[in-house]
Amino acid sequence: MATAVEPTSTRTVVLLRPAERKRLEKLATAEHVSAGEILRRSLHAYEKPASDAEEEVLTLLVAQMNSSLDEALVSLRTARTSIRQSLDKIDAMQREQAQLRKKREK
């Protein structure tokens, strides 16, 4: 005897105003997902919020991420300064070599 298998998804009709439909499609396109996935994500947003412990962990992770980003920006700025100095030195050396060539040609 066969047993009934519950479907993994069911079809639901949702009525939206034209502006809401447009917004839904825009979100789906931006996220590279279906409109249904945007609606599922919206439902998940209504679920029980994170516990205080989870919220604390998330806060710490965000702080670490911000700190790492700040360090990365400092490293990038330092690298850009070093590159600029190197390029300036190369330009000066090339100008000096060009002047020496001109003197030799005379």
PDB file of N, CA and C in Angstrom:
ATOM      1  N   MET A   1       0.839  -1.163   0.000  1.00  0.00           N
ATOM      2  CA  MET A   1       0.000   0.000   0.000  1.00  0.00           C
ATOM      3  C   MET A   1       0.893   1.238   0.000  1.00  0.00           C
ATOM      4  N   ALA A   2       0.589   2.204  -0.850  1.00  0.00           N
ATOM      5  CA  ALA A   2       1.390   3.417  -0.992  1.00  0.00           C
ATOM      6  C   ALA A   2       1.064   4.392   0.122  1.00  0.00           C
ATOM      7  N   THR A   3       2.090   5.098   0.575  1.00  0.00           N
ATOM      8  CA  THR A   3       1.875   6.118   1.600  1.00  0.00           C
ATOM      9  C   THR A   3       1.923   7.485   0.937  1.00  0.00           C
ATOM     10  N   ALA A   4       1.183   8.415   1.486  1.00  0.00           N
ATOM     11  CA  ALA A   4       1.147   9.770   0.930  1.00  0.00           C
ATOM     12  C   ALA A   4       2.450  10.491   1.267  1.00  0.00           C
ATOM     13  N   VAL A   5       2.997  11.126   0.268  1.00  0.00           N
ATOM     14  CA  VAL A   5       4.217  11.902   0.461  1.00  0.00           C
ATOM     15  C   VAL A   5       3.856  13.371   0.422  1.00  0.00           C
ATOM     16  N   GLU A   6       4.262  14.080   1.451  1.00  0.00           N
ATOM     17  CA  GLU A   6       3.952  15.505   1.504  1.00  0.00           C
ATOM     18  C   GLU A   6       4.860  16.248   0.530  1.00  0.00           C
ATOM     19  N   PRO A   7       4.293  17.147  -0.278  1.00  0.00           N
ATOM     20  CA  PRO A   7       5.121  17.874  -1.251  1.00  0.00           C
ATOM     21  C   PRO A   7       6.120  18.786  -0.531  1.00  0.00           C
ATOM     22  N   THR A   8       7.270  19.014  -1.179  1.00  0.00           N
ATOM     23  CA  THR A   8       8.281  19.876  -0.583  1.00  0.00           C
ATOM     24  C   THR A   8       7.888  21.344  -0.693  1.00  0.00           C
ATOM     25  N   SER A   9       7.048  21.661  -1.640  1.00  0.00           N
ATOM     26  CA  SER A   9       6.569  23.030  -1.818  1.00  0.00           C
ATOM     27  C   SER A   9       5.105  23.001  -2.205  1.00  0.00           C
ATOM     28  N   THR A  10       4.399  24.061  -1.890  1.00  0.00           N
ATOM     29  CA  THR A  10       3.003  24.192  -2.320  1.00  0.00           C
ATOM     30  C   THR A  10       2.850  25.548  -2.998  1.00  0.00           C
ATOM     31  N   ARG A  11       1.890  25.616  -3.870  1.00  0.00           N
ATOM     32  CA  ARG A  11       1.634  26.853  -4.595  1.00  0.00           C
ATOM     33  C   ARG A  11       0.700  27.730  -3.764  1.00  0.00           C
ATOM     34  N   THR A  12       1.033  29.003  -3.675  1.00  0.00           N
ATOM     35  CA  THR A  12       0.223  29.977  -2.951  1.00  0.00           C
ATOM     36  C   THR A  12       0.045  31.196  -3.837  1.00  0.00           C
ATOM     37  N   VAL A  13      -1.172  31.651  -3.947  1.00  0.00           N
ATOM     38  CA  VAL A  13      -1.458  32.844  -4.745  1.00  0.00           C
ATOM     39  C   VAL A  13      -1.441  34.041  -3.803  1.00  0.00           C
ATOM     40  N   VAL A  14      -0.668  35.034  -4.176  1.00  0.00           N
ATOM     41  CA  VAL A  14      -0.566  36.252  -3.369  1.00  0.00           C
ATOM     42  C   VAL A  14      -0.921  37.431  -4.267  1.00  0.00           C
ATOM     43  N   LEU A  15      -1.847  38.249  -3.802  1.00  0.00           N
ATOM     44  CA  LEU A  15      -2.229  39.433  -4.560  1.00  0.00           C
ATOM     45  C   LEU A  15      -1.369  40.607  -4.104  1.00  0.00           C
ATOM     46  N   LEU A  16      -0.739  41.245  -5.069  1.00  0.00           N
ATOM     47  CA  LEU A  16       0.110  42.397  -4.790  1.00  0.00           C
ATOM     48  C   LEU A  16      -0.334  43.573  -5.635  1.00  0.00           C
ATOM     49  N   ARG A  17      -0.113  44.755  -5.110  1.00  0.00           N
ATOM     50  CA  ARG A  17      -0.333  45.950  -5.917  1.00  0.00           C
ATOM     51  C   ARG A  17       0.767  46.000  -6.967  1.00  0.00           C
ATOM     52  N   PRO A  18       0.530  46.685  -8.093  1.00  0.00           N
ATOM     53  CA  PRO A  18       1.561  46.750  -9.134  1.00  0.00           C
ATOM     54  C   PRO A  18       2.914  47.237  -8.621  1.00  0.00           C
ATOM     55  N   ALA A  19       2.906  48.247  -7.758  1.00  0.00           N
ATOM     56  CA  ALA A  19       4.170  48.765  -7.222  1.00  0.00           C
ATOM     57  C   ALA A  19       4.865  47.708  -6.350  1.00  0.00           C
ATOM     58  N   GLU A  20       4.072  46.928  -5.603  1.00  0.00           N
ATOM     59  CA  GLU A  20       4.659  45.869  -4.770  1.00  0.00           C
ATOM     60  C   GLU A  20       5.254  44.763  -5.637  1.00  0.00           C
ATOM     61  N   ARG A  21       4.541  44.417  -6.688  1.00  0.00           N
ATOM     62  CA  ARG A  21       5.042  43.394  -7.619  1.00  0.00           C
ATOM     63  C   ARG A  21       6.348  43.852  -8.264  1.00  0.00           C
ATOM     64  N   LYS A  22       6.390  45.106  -8.658  1.00  0.00           N
ATOM     65  CA  LYS A  22       7.595  45.658  -9.268  1.00  0.00           C
ATOM     66  C   LYS A  22       8.755  45.611  -8.273  1.00  0.00           C
ATOM     67  N   ARG A  23       8.476  45.970  -7.025  1.00  0.00           N
ATOM     68  CA  ARG A  23       9.505  45.946  -5.973  1.00  0.00           C
ATOM     69  C   ARG A  23       9.989  44.519  -5.735  1.00  0.00           C
ATOM     70  N   LEU A  24       9.065  43.562  -5.712  1.00  0.00           N
ATOM     71  CA  LEU A  24       9.415  42.156  -5.526  1.00  0.00           C
ATOM     72  C   LEU A  24      10.328  41.679  -6.654  1.00  0.00           C
ATOM     73  N   GLU A  25       9.965  41.999  -7.874  1.00  0.00           N
ATOM     74  CA  GLU A  25      10.782  41.595  -9.026  1.00  0.00           C
ATOM     75  C   GLU A  25      12.158  42.250  -8.987  1.00  0.00           C
ATOM     76  N   LYS A  26      12.192  43.517  -8.577  1.00  0.00           N
ATOM     77  CA  LYS A  26      13.468  44.241  -8.485  1.00  0.00           C
ATOM     78  C   LYS A  26      14.378  43.598  -7.434  1.00  0.00           C
ATOM     79  N   LEU A  27      13.808  43.258  -6.295  1.00  0.00           N
ATOM     80  CA  LEU A  27      14.582  42.589  -5.239  1.00  0.00           C
ATOM     81  C   LEU A  27      15.104  41.236  -5.714  1.00  0.00           C
ATOM     82  N   ALA A  28      14.240  40.479  -6.359  1.00  0.00           N
ATOM     83  CA  ALA A  28      14.629  39.157  -6.847  1.00  0.00           C
ATOM     84  C   ALA A  28      15.763  39.262  -7.863  1.00  0.00           C
ATOM     85  N   THR A  29      15.653  40.221  -8.748  1.00  0.00           N
ATOM     86  CA  THR A  29      16.702  40.421  -9.758  1.00  0.00           C
ATOM     87  C   THR A  29      18.016  40.819  -9.095  1.00  0.00           C
ATOM     88  N   ALA A  30      17.934  41.726  -8.146  1.00  0.00           N
ATOM     89  CA  ALA A  30      19.137  42.201  -7.459  1.00  0.00           C
ATOM     90  C   ALA A  30      19.821  41.080  -6.686  1.00  0.00           C
ATOM     91  N   GLU A  31      19.039  40.174  -6.118  1.00  0.00           N
ATOM     92  CA  GLU A  31      19.580  39.077  -5.320  1.00  0.00           C
ATOM     93  C   GLU A  31      19.861  37.824  -6.155  1.00  0.00           C
ATOM     94  N   HIS A  32      19.485  37.849  -7.426  1.00  0.00           N
ATOM     95  CA  HIS A  32      19.650  36.695  -8.331  1.00  0.00           C
ATOM     96  C   HIS A  32      18.916  35.456  -7.798  1.00  0.00           C
ATOM     97  N   VAL A  33      17.707  35.681  -7.321  1.00  0.00           N
ATOM     98  CA  VAL A  33      16.860  34.591  -6.834  1.00  0.00           C
ATOM     99  C   VAL A  33      15.448  34.795  -7.380  1.00  0.00           C
ATOM    100  N   SER A  34      14.598  33.827  -7.116  1.00  0.00           N
ATOM    101  CA  SER A  34      13.215  33.935  -7.580  1.00  0.00           C
ATOM    102  C   SER A  34      12.410  34.851  -6.661  1.00  0.00           C
ATOM    103  N   ALA A  35      11.261  35.276  -7.172  1.00  0.00           N
ATOM    104  CA  ALA A  35      10.358  36.078  -6.353  1.00  0.00           C
ATOM    105  C   ALA A  35       9.881  35.269  -5.153  1.00  0.00           C
ATOM    106  N   GLY A  36       9.669  33.977  -5.353  1.00  0.00           N
ATOM    107  CA  GLY A  36       9.269  33.102  -4.252  1.00  0.00           C
ATOM    108  C   GLY A  36      10.303  33.069  -3.141  1.00  0.00           C
ATOM    109  N   GLU A  37      11.590  33.072  -3.519  1.00  0.00           N
ATOM    110  CA  GLU A  37      12.653  33.063  -2.516  1.00  0.00           C
ATOM    111  C   GLU A  37      12.637  34.360  -1.711  1.00  0.00           C
ATOM    112  N   ILE A  38      12.365  35.467  -2.371  1.00  0.00           N
ATOM    113  CA  ILE A  38      12.260  36.741  -1.642  1.00  0.00           C
ATOM    114  C   ILE A  38      11.119  36.668  -0.635  1.00  0.00           C
ATOM    115  N   LEU A  39       9.991  36.098  -1.042  1.00  0.00           N
ATOM    116  CA  LEU A  39       8.858  35.966  -0.116  1.00  0.00           C
ATOM    117  C   LEU A  39       9.195  35.025   1.038  1.00  0.00           C
ATOM    118  N   ARG A  40       9.895  33.909   0.749  1.00  0.00           N
ATOM    119  CA  ARG A  40      10.304  32.996   1.827  1.00  0.00           C
ATOM    120  C   ARG A  40      11.238  33.704   2.806  1.00  0.00           C
ATOM    121  N   ARG A  41      12.173  34.469   2.279  1.00  0.00           N
ATOM    122  CA  ARG A  41      13.091  35.211   3.153  1.00  0.00           C
ATOM    123  C   ARG A  41      12.327  36.217   4.008  1.00  0.00           C
ATOM    124  N   SER A  42      11.303  36.819   3.424  1.00  0.00           N
ATOM    125  CA  SER A  42      10.491  37.774   4.170  1.00  0.00           C
ATOM    126  C   SER A  42       9.792  37.091   5.334  1.00  0.00           C
ATOM    127  N   LEU A  43       9.298  35.880   5.099  1.00  0.00           N
ATOM    128  CA  LEU A  43       8.659  35.126   6.175  1.00  0.00           C
ATOM    129  C   LEU A  43       9.650  34.803   7.280  1.00  0.00           C
ATOM    130  N   HIS A  44      10.870  34.440   6.907  1.00  0.00           N
ATOM    131  CA  HIS A  44      11.900  34.121   7.909  1.00  0.00           C
ATOM    132  C   HIS A  44      12.230  35.348   8.759  1.00  0.00           C
ATOM    133  N   ALA A  45      12.081  36.526   8.199  1.00  0.00           N
ATOM    134  CA  ALA A  45      12.374  37.742   8.946  1.00  0.00           C
ATOM    135  C   ALA A  45      11.414  37.923  10.121  1.00  0.00           C
ATOM    136  N   TYR A  46      10.249  37.272  10.066  1.00  0.00           N
ATOM    137  CA  TYR A  46       9.269  37.367  11.137  1.00  0.00           C
ATOM    138  C   TYR A  46       9.486  36.325  12.230  1.00  0.00           C
ATOM    139  N   GLU A  47      10.438  35.437  12.038  1.00  0.00           N
ATOM    140  CA  GLU A  47      10.700  34.408  13.034  1.00  0.00           C
ATOM    141  C   GLU A  47      11.280  35.020  14.297  1.00  0.00           C
ATOM    142  N   LYS A  48      11.302  34.222  15.357  1.00  0.00           N
ATOM    143  CA  LYS A  48      11.797  34.660  16.656  1.00  0.00           C
ATOM    144  C   LYS A  48      13.187  35.289  16.506  1.00  0.00           C
ATOM    145  N   PRO A  49      13.377  36.472  17.091  1.00  0.00           N
ATOM    146  CA  PRO A  49      14.683  37.119  16.992  1.00  0.00           C
ATOM    147  C   PRO A  49      15.756  36.310  17.731  1.00  0.00           C
ATOM    148  N   ALA A  50      16.996  36.614  17.429  1.00  0.00           N
ATOM    149  CA  ALA A  50      18.115  35.918  18.043  1.00  0.00           C
ATOM    150  C   ALA A  50      18.104  36.134  19.553  1.00  0.00           C
ATOM    151  N   SER A  51      18.600  35.136  20.271  1.00  0.00           N
ATOM    152  CA  SER A  51      18.678  35.253  21.727  1.00  0.00           C
ATOM    153  C   SER A  51      19.724  36.309  22.088  1.00  0.00           C
ATOM    154  N   ASP A  52      19.751  36.683  23.361  1.00  0.00           N
ATOM    155  CA  ASP A  52      20.732  37.676  23.813  1.00  0.00           C
ATOM    156  C   ASP A  52      22.155  37.185  23.564  1.00  0.00           C
ATOM    157  N   ALA A  53      22.388  35.881  23.781  1.00  0.00           N
ATOM    158  CA  ALA A  53      23.730  35.326  23.565  1.00  0.00           C
ATOM    159  C   ALA A  53      24.097  35.387  22.085  1.00  0.00           C
ATOM    160  N   GLU A  54      23.144  35.033  21.224  1.00  0.00           N
ATOM    161  CA  GLU A  54      23.394  35.104  19.780  1.00  0.00           C
ATOM    162  C   GLU A  54      23.623  36.547  19.347  1.00  0.00           C
ATOM    163  N   GLU A  55      22.854  37.443  19.906  1.00  0.00           N
ATOM    164  CA  GLU A  55      22.997  38.864  19.582  1.00  0.00           C
ATOM    165  C   GLU A  55      24.373  39.363  20.009  1.00  0.00           C
ATOM    166  N   GLU A  56      24.839  38.914  21.175  1.00  0.00           N
ATOM    167  CA  GLU A  56      26.161  39.318  21.662  1.00  0.00           C
ATOM    168  C   GLU A  56      27.268  38.785  20.746  1.00  0.00           C
ATOM    169  N   VAL A  57      27.129  37.524  20.324  1.00  0.00           N
ATOM    170  CA  VAL A  57      28.115  36.941  19.424  1.00  0.00           C
ATOM    171  C   VAL A  57      28.132  37.711  18.097  1.00  0.00           C
ATOM    172  N   LEU A  58      26.946  38.002  17.573  1.00  0.00           N
ATOM    173  CA  LEU A  58      26.866  38.757  16.322  1.00  0.00           C
ATOM    174  C   LEU A  58      27.485  40.148  16.480  1.00  0.00           C
ATOM    175  N   THR A  59      27.251  40.788  17.601  1.00  0.00           N
ATOM    176  CA  THR A  59      27.830  42.108  17.856  1.00  0.00           C
ATOM    177  C   THR A  59      29.347  42.025  17.875  1.00  0.00           C
ATOM    178  N   LEU A  60      29.894  40.992  18.536  1.00  0.00           N
ATOM    179  CA  LEU A  60      31.345  40.807  18.572  1.00  0.00           C
ATOM    180  C   LEU A  60      31.902  40.538  17.178  1.00  0.00           C
ATOM    181  N   LEU A  61      31.195  39.713  16.412  1.00  0.00           N
ATOM    182  CA  LEU A  61      31.650  39.421  15.052  1.00  0.00           C
ATOM    183  C   LEU A  61      31.662  40.665  14.176  1.00  0.00           C
ATOM    184  N   VAL A  62      30.652  41.481  14.305  1.00  0.00           N
ATOM    185  CA  VAL A  62      30.606  42.723  13.530  1.00  0.00           C
ATOM    186  C   VAL A  62      31.748  43.645  13.949  1.00  0.00           C
ATOM    187  N   ALA A  63      32.022  43.711  15.249  1.00  0.00           N
ATOM    188  CA  ALA A  63      33.125  44.545  15.734  1.00  0.00           C
ATOM    189  C   ALA A  63      34.459  44.039  15.179  1.00  0.00           C
ATOM    190  N   GLN A  64      34.647  42.717  15.178  1.00  0.00           N
ATOM    191  CA  GLN A  64      35.874  42.144  14.617  1.00  0.00           C
ATOM    192  C   GLN A  64      35.982  42.438  13.126  1.00  0.00           C
ATOM    193  N   MET A  65      34.864  42.315  12.432  1.00  0.00           N
ATOM    194  CA  MET A  65      34.856  42.581  10.999  1.00  0.00           C
ATOM    195  C   MET A  65      35.227  44.039  10.731  1.00  0.00           C
ATOM    196  N   ASN A  66      34.658  44.945  11.497  1.00  0.00           N
ATOM    197  CA  ASN A  66      34.971  46.363  11.317  1.00  0.00           C
ATOM    198  C   ASN A  66      36.437  46.640  11.611  1.00  0.00           C
ATOM    199  N   SER A  67      36.970  46.008  12.648  1.00  0.00           N
ATOM    200  CA  SER A  67      38.380  46.178  12.984  1.00  0.00           C
ATOM    201  C   SER A  67      39.265  45.662  11.853  1.00  0.00           C
ATOM    202  N   SER A  68      38.918  44.495  11.326  1.00  0.00           N
ATOM    203  CA  SER A  68      39.691  43.927  10.215  1.00  0.00           C
ATOM    204  C   SER A  68      39.625  44.813   8.986  1.00  0.00           C
ATOM    205  N   LEU A  69      38.467  45.376   8.714  1.00  0.00           N
ATOM    206  CA  LEU A  69      38.325  46.284   7.577  1.00  0.00           C
ATOM    207  C   LEU A  69      39.168  47.545   7.772  1.00  0.00           C
ATOM    208  N   ASP A  70      39.186  48.065   9.005  1.00  0.00           N
ATOM    209  CA  ASP A  70      40.014  49.238   9.286  1.00  0.00           C
ATOM    210  C   ASP A  70      41.491  48.921   9.049  1.00  0.00           C
ATOM    211  N   GLU A  71      41.939  47.752   9.525  1.00  0.00           N
ATOM    212  CA  GLU A  71      43.330  47.342   9.323  1.00  0.00           C
ATOM    213  C   GLU A  71      43.640  47.175   7.837  1.00  0.00           C
ATOM    214  N   ALA A  72      42.703  46.609   7.098  1.00  0.00           N
ATOM    215  CA  ALA A  72      42.902  46.428   5.659  1.00  0.00           C
ATOM    216  C   ALA A  72      43.028  47.774   4.963  1.00  0.00           C
ATOM    217  N   LEU A  73      42.206  48.738   5.370  1.00  0.00           N
ATOM    218  CA  LEU A  73      42.284  50.075   4.769  1.00  0.00           C
ATOM    219  C   LEU A  73      43.631  50.731   5.056  1.00  0.00           C
ATOM    220  N   VAL A  74      44.124  50.575   6.283  1.00  0.00           N
ATOM    221  CA  VAL A  74      45.431  51.133   6.629  1.00  0.00           C
ATOM    222  C   VAL A  74      46.507  50.475   5.766  1.00  0.00           C
ATOM    223  N   SER A  75      46.432  49.162   5.612  1.00  0.00           N
ATOM    224  CA  SER A  75      47.406  48.446   4.781  1.00  0.00           C
ATOM    225  C   SER A  75      47.352  48.917   3.337  1.00  0.00           C
ATOM    226  N   LEU A  76      46.156  49.094   2.817  1.00  0.00           N
ATOM    227  CA  LEU A  76      46.011  49.573   1.441  1.00  0.00           C
ATOM    228  C   LEU A  76      46.580  50.973   1.268  1.00  0.00           C
ATOM    229  N   ARG A  77      46.292  51.837   2.233  1.00  0.00           N
ATOM    230  CA  ARG A  77      46.826  53.208   2.141  1.00  0.00           C
ATOM    231  C   ARG A  77      48.348  53.199   2.211  1.00  0.00           C
ATOM    232  N   THR A  78      48.910  52.365   3.079  1.00  0.00           N
ATOM    233  CA  THR A  78      50.366  52.252   3.188  1.00  0.00           C
ATOM    234  C   THR A  78      50.958  51.729   1.884  1.00  0.00           C
ATOM    235  N   ALA A  79      50.310  50.720   1.313  1.00  0.00           N
ATOM    236  CA  ALA A  79      50.787  50.152   0.049  1.00  0.00           C
ATOM    237  C   ALA A  79      50.717  51.191  -1.065  1.00  0.00           C
ATOM    238  N   ARG A  80      49.644  51.945  -1.125  1.00  0.00           N
ATOM    239  CA  ARG A  80      49.510  52.985  -2.153  1.00  0.00           C
ATOM    240  C   ARG A  80      50.597  54.044  -2.005  1.00  0.00           C
ATOM    241  N   THR A  81      50.894  54.422  -0.772  1.00  0.00           N
ATOM    242  CA  THR A  81      51.952  55.400  -0.535  1.00  0.00           C
ATOM    243  C   THR A  81      53.290  54.851  -0.990  1.00  0.00           C
ATOM    244  N   SER A  82      53.560  53.603  -0.646  1.00  0.00           N
ATOM    245  CA  SER A  82      54.819  52.968  -1.047  1.00  0.00           C
ATOM    246  C   SER A  82      54.929  52.867  -2.570  1.00  0.00           C
ATOM    247  N   ILE A  83      53.846  52.503  -3.205  1.00  0.00           N
ATOM    248  CA  ILE A  83      53.831  52.406  -4.679  1.00  0.00           C
ATOM    249  C   ILE A  83      54.073  53.786  -5.291  1.00  0.00           C
ATOM    250  N   ARG A  84      53.409  54.805  -4.757  1.00  0.00           N
ATOM    251  CA  ARG A  84      53.595  56.163  -5.276  1.00  0.00           C
ATOM    252  C   ARG A  84      55.052  56.591  -5.139  1.00  0.00           C
ATOM    253  N   GLN A  85      55.676  56.302  -3.990  1.00  0.00           N
ATOM    254  CA  GLN A  85      57.084  56.655  -3.785  1.00  0.00           C
ATOM    255  C   GLN A  85      57.972  55.911  -4.777  1.00  0.00           C
ATOM    256  N   SER A  86      57.697  54.642  -4.989  1.00  0.00           N
ATOM    257  CA  SER A  86      58.484  53.854  -5.939  1.00  0.00           C
ATOM    258  C   SER A  86      58.339  54.394  -7.349  1.00  0.00           C
ATOM    259  N   LEU A  87      57.123  54.729  -7.745  1.00  0.00           N
ATOM    260  CA  LEU A  87      56.900  55.288  -9.079  1.00  0.00           C
ATOM    261  C   LEU A  87      57.610  56.633  -9.251  1.00  0.00           C
ATOM    262  N   ASP A  88      57.574  57.442  -8.194  1.00  0.00           N
ATOM    263  CA  ASP A  88      58.282  58.725  -8.251  1.00  0.00           C
ATOM    264  C   ASP A  88      59.789  58.510  -8.427  1.00  0.00           C
ATOM    265  N   LYS A  89      60.355  57.533  -7.709  1.00  0.00           N
ATOM    266  CA  LYS A  89      61.778  57.222  -7.838  1.00  0.00           C
ATOM    267  C   LYS A  89      62.112  56.735  -9.252  1.00  0.00           C
ATOM    268  N   ILE A  90      61.256  55.892  -9.791  1.00  0.00           N
ATOM    269  CA  ILE A  90      61.460  55.380 -11.153  1.00  0.00           C
ATOM    270  C   ILE A  90      61.428  56.533 -12.149  1.00  0.00           C
ATOM    271  N   ASP A  91      60.448  57.433 -11.993  1.00  0.00           N
ATOM    272  CA  ASP A  91      60.366  58.600 -12.883  1.00  0.00           C
ATOM    273  C   ASP A  91      61.638  59.439 -12.789  1.00  0.00           C
ATOM    274  N   ALA A  92      62.112  59.680 -11.570  1.00  0.00           N
ATOM    275  CA  ALA A  92      63.328  60.478 -11.384  1.00  0.00           C
ATOM    276  C   ALA A  92      64.530  59.803 -12.041  1.00  0.00           C
ATOM    277  N   MET A  93      64.626  58.489 -11.880  1.00  0.00           N
ATOM    278  CA  MET A  93      65.737  57.746 -12.486  1.00  0.00           C
ATOM    279  C   MET A  93      65.654  57.805 -14.008  1.00  0.00           C
ATOM    280  N   GLN A  94      64.468  57.692 -14.553  1.00  0.00           N
ATOM    281  CA  GLN A  94      64.301  57.750 -16.009  1.00  0.00           C
ATOM    282  C   GLN A  94      64.649  59.132 -16.536  1.00  0.00           C
ATOM    283  N   ARG A  95      64.240  60.170 -15.817  1.00  0.00           N
ATOM    284  CA  ARG A  95      64.596  61.531 -16.236  1.00  0.00           C
ATOM    285  C   ARG A  95      66.113  61.721 -16.192  1.00  0.00           C
ATOM    286  N   GLU A  96      66.727  61.219 -15.144  1.00  0.00           N
ATOM    287  CA  GLU A  96      68.187  61.322 -14.997  1.00  0.00           C
ATOM    288  C   GLU A  96      68.910  60.588 -16.130  1.00  0.00           C
ATOM    289  N   GLN A  97      68.424  59.404 -16.472  1.00  0.00           N
ATOM    290  CA  GLN A  97      69.029  58.641 -17.563  1.00  0.00           C
ATOM    291  C   GLN A  97      68.841  59.353 -18.904  1.00  0.00           C
ATOM    292  N   ALA A  98      67.681  59.955 -19.090  1.00  0.00           N
ATOM    293  CA  ALA A  98      67.423  60.692 -20.329  1.00  0.00           C
ATOM    294  C   ALA A  98      68.364  61.886 -20.437  1.00  0.00           C
ATOM    295  N   GLN A  99      68.591  62.564 -19.328  1.00  0.00           N
ATOM    296  CA  GLN A  99      69.512  63.705 -19.338  1.00  0.00           C
ATOM    297  C   GLN A  99      70.939  63.245 -19.643  1.00  0.00           C
ATOM    298  N   LEU A 100      71.345  62.102 -19.073  1.00  0.00           N
ATOM    299  CA  LEU A 100      72.696  61.576 -19.339  1.00  0.00           C
ATOM    300  C   LEU A 100      72.844  61.212 -20.821  1.00  0.00           C
ATOM    301  N   ARG A 101      71.804  60.625 -21.401  1.00  0.00           N
ATOM    302  CA  ARG A 101      71.862  60.259 -22.831  1.00  0.00           C
ATOM    303  C   ARG A 101      72.014  61.513 -23.696  1.00  0.00           C
ATOM    304  N   LYS A 102      71.279  62.578 -23.330  1.00  0.00           N
ATOM    305  CA  LYS A 102      71.354  63.816 -24.096  1.00  0.00           C
ATOM    306  C   LYS A 102      72.779  64.397 -24.017  1.00  0.00           C
ATOM    307  N   LYS A 103      73.388  64.350 -22.834  1.00  0.00           N
ATOM    308  CA  LYS A 103      74.747  64.873 -22.657  1.00  0.00           C
ATOM    309  C   LYS A 103      75.748  64.077 -23.499  1.00  0.00           C
ATOM    310  N   ARG A 104      75.546  62.745 -23.545  1.00  0.00           N
ATOM    311  CA  ARG A 104      76.455  61.885 -24.322  1.00  0.00           C
ATOM    312  C   ARG A 104      76.320  62.166 -25.819  1.00  0.00           C
ATOM    313  N   GLU A 105      75.111  62.463 -26.256  1.00  0.00           N
ATOM    314  CA  GLU A 105      74.866  62.701 -27.679  1.00  0.00           C
ATOM    315  C   GLU A 105      75.460  64.028 -28.158  1.00  0.00           C
ATOM    316  N   LYS A 106      75.699  64.923 -27.264  1.00  0.00           N
ATOM    317  CA  LYS A 106      76.227  66.246 -27.649  1.00  0.00           C
ATOM    318  C   LYS A 106      77.681  66.202 -27.888  1.00  0.00           C
TER     319      LYS A 106
END
